[in-house]
């Protein structure tokens, strides 16, 4: 079992079931035009934040 930050025990089987359910939808989103655009925007924001922190 995995213990999260609030002390709940979550059976590994439940974690894997959730992952099997969500992973195809996540991949589908990031393969879409919208997902690609949002990811590019996120990467740009991250680069801007990294630049600000470096100063």
C-alpha atoms as a PDB file:
ATOM      1  CA  UNK A   1       0.000   0.000   0.000  1.00  0.00           C
ATOM      2  CA  UNK A   2       1.042   3.545  -0.659  1.00  0.00           C
ATOM      3  CA  UNK A   3       0.650   6.140   2.055  1.00  0.00           C
ATOM      4  CA  UNK A   4      -0.118   9.660   0.903  1.00  0.00           C
ATOM      5  CA  UNK A   5       0.602  12.962   2.615  1.00  0.00           C
ATOM      6  CA  UNK A   6      -2.517  12.821   4.784  1.00  0.00           C
ATOM      7  CA  UNK A   7      -1.822   9.324   6.069  1.00  0.00           C
ATOM      8  CA  UNK A   8      -4.346   7.401   3.982  1.00  0.00           C
ATOM      9  CA  UNK A   9      -3.427   3.914   2.888  1.00  0.00           C
ATOM     10  CA  UNK A  10      -4.299   3.382  -0.767  1.00  0.00           C
ATOM     11  CA  UNK A  11      -3.973  -0.174  -2.054  1.00  0.00           C
ATOM     12  CA  UNK A  12      -1.533  -0.458  -4.970  1.00  0.00           C
ATOM     13  CA  UNK A  13      -4.240  -2.207  -6.978  1.00  0.00           C
ATOM     14  CA  UNK A  14      -6.441   0.905  -6.706  1.00  0.00           C
ATOM     15  CA  UNK A  15      -3.599   3.187  -7.799  1.00  0.00           C
ATOM     16  CA  UNK A  16      -2.900   0.985 -10.822  1.00  0.00           C
ATOM     17  CA  UNK A  17      -6.594   0.825 -11.733  1.00  0.00           C
ATOM     18  CA  UNK A  18      -6.830   4.599 -11.665  1.00  0.00           C
ATOM     19  CA  UNK A  19      -3.675   4.922 -13.752  1.00  0.00           C
ATOM     20  CA  UNK A  20      -5.050   2.480 -16.356  1.00  0.00           C
ATOM     21  CA  UNK A  21      -8.211   4.572 -16.538  1.00  0.00           C
ATOM     22  CA  UNK A  22      -6.536   7.991 -16.781  1.00  0.00           C
ATOM     23  CA  UNK A  23      -3.407   7.349 -18.847  1.00  0.00           C
ATOM     24  CA  UNK A  24      -5.153   6.851 -22.219  1.00  0.00           C
ATOM     25  CA  UNK A  25      -7.150  10.074 -21.714  1.00  0.00           C
ATOM     26  CA  UNK A  26      -4.012  11.996 -20.729  1.00  0.00           C
ATOM     27  CA  UNK A  27      -2.172  10.728 -23.816  1.00  0.00           C
ATOM     28  CA  UNK A  28      -5.151  11.573 -26.016  1.00  0.00           C
ATOM     29  CA  UNK A  29      -5.199  15.133 -24.679  1.00  0.00           C
ATOM     30  CA  UNK A  30      -1.477  15.735 -25.154  1.00  0.00           C
ATOM     31  CA  UNK A  31      -1.632  14.290 -28.680  1.00  0.00           C
ATOM     32  CA  UNK A  32      -4.406  16.757 -29.609  1.00  0.00           C
ATOM     33  CA  UNK A  33      -3.793  20.229 -31.043  1.00  0.00           C
ATOM     34  CA  UNK A  34      -5.166  21.792 -27.867  1.00  0.00           C
ATOM     35  CA  UNK A  35      -2.894  19.678 -25.686  1.00  0.00           C
ATOM     36  CA  UNK A  36       0.151  20.491 -27.804  1.00  0.00           C
ATOM     37  CA  UNK A  37      -0.666  24.212 -27.622  1.00  0.00           C
ATOM     38  CA  UNK A  38      -1.201  24.172 -23.855  1.00  0.00           C
ATOM     39  CA  UNK A  39       2.019  22.217 -23.317  1.00  0.00           C
ATOM     40  CA  UNK A  40       3.971  24.713 -25.449  1.00  0.00           C
ATOM     41  CA  UNK A  41       2.466  27.588 -23.440  1.00  0.00           C
ATOM     42  CA  UNK A  42       3.368  25.844 -20.180  1.00  0.00           C
ATOM     43  CA  UNK A  43       6.958  25.298 -21.349  1.00  0.00           C
ATOM     44  CA  UNK A  44       7.206  28.972 -22.280  1.00  0.00           C
ATOM     45  CA  UNK A  45       5.957  30.046 -18.826  1.00  0.00           C
ATOM     46  CA  UNK A  46       8.436  27.687 -17.183  1.00  0.00           C
ATOM     47  CA  UNK A  47      11.303  29.156 -19.204  1.00  0.00           C
ATOM     48  CA  UNK A  48      10.227  32.663 -18.207  1.00  0.00           C
ATOM     49  CA  UNK A  49      10.107  31.682 -14.541  1.00  0.00           C
ATOM     50  CA  UNK A  50      13.529  30.040 -14.782  1.00  0.00           C
ATOM     51  CA  UNK A  51      14.909  33.236 -16.324  1.00  0.00           C
ATOM     52  CA  UNK A  52      13.435  35.325 -13.501  1.00  0.00           C
ATOM     53  CA  UNK A  53      14.907  33.011 -10.857  1.00  0.00           C
ATOM     54  CA  UNK A  54      18.341  33.092 -12.474  1.00  0.00           C
ATOM     55  CA  UNK A  55      18.570  36.874 -12.086  1.00  0.00           C
END
